[in-house]
Protein backbone atom coordinates (compact mmCIF):
# COMPACT_ATOMS: atom_id res chain seq x y z
CA MET A 1 116.11 186.40 151.23
CA ILE A 2 112.18 186.71 151.37
CA VAL A 3 110.87 189.64 153.13
CA SER A 4 107.42 191.00 153.29
CA ALA A 5 105.98 192.16 150.13
CA LYS A 6 106.65 196.00 150.25
CA GLU A 7 106.08 196.35 146.56
CA LEU A 8 102.43 195.67 147.37
CA GLY A 9 100.59 198.08 149.47
CA GLN A 10 98.40 197.01 152.38
CA GLN A 11 95.25 198.05 150.62
CA GLN A 12 96.34 195.83 147.63
CA ILE A 13 97.25 192.88 149.95
CA ASP A 14 93.79 193.17 151.56
CA ALA A 15 92.11 193.10 148.28
CA LEU A 16 94.00 190.11 147.05
CA ARG A 17 93.11 188.30 150.18
CA ALA A 18 89.57 189.00 149.94
CA ALA A 19 89.54 187.58 146.54
CA LEU A 20 91.34 184.67 147.63
CA GLU A 21 88.87 183.88 150.34
CA SER A 22 86.16 184.44 148.01
CA ARG A 23 87.58 182.22 145.44
CA ARG A 24 88.18 179.53 148.22
CA ASP A 25 84.56 179.72 149.20
CA GLU A 26 83.56 179.35 145.48
CA LEU A 27 85.38 176.45 145.22
CA GLU A 28 84.46 174.62 148.63
CA ASN A 29 80.89 175.03 147.48
CA GLN A 30 81.35 173.68 144.10
CA LEU A 31 83.26 170.62 145.66
CA SER A 32 80.45 170.00 147.77
CA MET A 33 77.67 170.53 145.10
CA GLY A 34 79.81 168.20 142.59
CA VAL A 35 79.90 165.23 144.76
CA GLU A 36 76.79 163.61 143.41
CA ALA A 37 78.04 163.94 139.88
CA ALA A 38 81.08 161.99 140.69
CA ASN A 39 79.31 159.18 141.93
CA PRO A 40 79.61 155.68 140.30
CA VAL A 41 77.11 155.06 137.31
CA SER A 42 74.76 152.40 137.70
CA LEU A 43 75.28 149.64 135.24
CA ASP A 44 71.61 148.41 135.03
CA GLN A 45 70.58 148.64 131.16
CA GLN A 46 67.05 148.04 132.29
CA SER A 47 66.95 151.61 133.73
CA VAL A 48 69.69 153.42 131.44
CA GLY A 49 70.10 152.21 127.89
CA ARG A 50 73.87 151.62 126.40
CA VAL A 51 74.17 155.11 124.80
CA SER A 52 72.65 156.91 127.96
CA ARG A 53 74.88 154.97 130.25
CA ALA A 54 78.02 155.78 128.02
CA ASP A 55 76.98 159.40 128.16
CA ALA A 56 76.51 159.01 132.05
CA ILE A 57 80.02 157.50 132.37
CA GLN A 58 81.55 160.37 130.27
CA GLN A 59 79.78 162.95 132.35
CA GLN A 60 81.08 161.44 135.49
CA GLN A 61 84.49 161.31 134.18
CA MET A 62 84.49 165.10 133.47
CA ALA A 63 82.85 165.77 136.93
CA LEU A 64 85.85 163.75 138.40
CA ALA A 65 88.37 165.79 136.32
CA GLY A 66 86.86 169.10 137.24
CA ARG A 67 86.60 167.88 140.91
CA GLU A 68 90.35 167.28 140.69
CA GLN A 69 91.09 170.88 139.06
CA ALA A 70 88.95 172.58 141.92
CA GLU A 71 90.75 170.72 144.51
CA ALA A 72 94.30 171.66 143.08
CA LEU A 73 93.00 175.34 142.82
CA LEU A 74 91.72 175.17 146.36
CA ARG A 75 95.06 173.82 147.70
CA GLN A 76 96.72 176.80 145.76
CA VAL A 77 94.64 179.50 147.31
CA ALA A 78 95.04 178.18 150.87
CA LEU A 79 98.87 178.14 150.35
CA ALA A 80 98.56 181.86 148.99
CA LEU A 81 96.39 182.77 152.12
CA SER A 82 99.00 181.18 154.34
CA ARG A 83 101.87 183.06 152.47
CA ILE A 84 99.95 186.25 153.23
CA ASP A 85 99.49 185.22 156.98
CA ASP A 86 103.40 184.43 156.93
CA GLY A 87 104.12 187.94 155.49
CA VAL A 88 105.66 186.46 152.17
CA TYR A 89 103.18 186.80 149.79
CA GLY A 90 104.10 188.28 146.36
CA TYR A 91 107.45 186.92 146.20
CA CYS A 92 108.40 184.14 143.74
CA LEU A 93 108.93 180.70 145.57
CA ASN A 94 111.60 179.79 142.82
CA CYS A 95 113.64 182.89 142.57
CA GLU A 96 112.48 184.98 145.38
CA GLN A 97 111.84 188.01 143.41
CA PRO A 98 108.75 190.06 143.49
CA ILE A 99 105.70 188.83 141.57
CA ALA A 100 104.35 191.40 139.34
CA PRO A 101 101.25 193.06 141.12
CA ALA A 102 99.50 192.58 137.70
CA ARG A 103 100.01 188.90 137.73
CA LEU A 104 98.73 188.93 141.18
CA GLU A 105 95.43 190.56 140.38
CA ALA A 106 95.09 188.19 137.52
CA GLN A 107 95.94 185.13 139.77
CA PRO A 108 96.17 186.01 143.33
CA HIS A 109 97.17 182.23 144.01
CA ALA A 110 100.10 182.50 141.59
CA SER A 111 103.29 181.44 143.43
CA LEU A 112 105.86 182.01 140.79
CA CYS A 113 106.65 185.11 138.76
CA LEU A 114 106.03 184.87 135.04
CA ASP A 115 109.52 184.02 134.01
CA CYS A 116 109.83 181.24 136.48
CA GLN A 117 106.25 179.89 135.79
CA SER A 118 107.06 179.84 132.08
CA ALA A 119 110.48 178.04 132.51
CA SER A 120 108.27 175.36 134.75
CA GLU A 121 106.01 174.77 131.87
CA ARG A 122 108.74 174.35 129.43
CA GLY A 123 109.94 171.49 131.21
């Protein structure tokens, strides 16, 4: 049964909320600034040579991958803020046990305890 995270003090929750909100703002800025880098690459060889075009395509692919990663992290941050609002922040979504405060300080968006995260990564 999930209850509010009494293992975390209100000051800790407030600090983690501030960190999550700051990270959310950073990610939103990153996403808004990265729109141009992910635009399609012009295939006009007159203005861009073959090597330069290949380099531009590679940079575009890296920008797209970075954008996808930032969007995924932004979703995790938003869900963590939602869990704070719902009073269930700090508990593993899998086993419902408290997530170690040190883990939350390192990754405030963490939704799984270390054991469950390790198990999910193993497959």
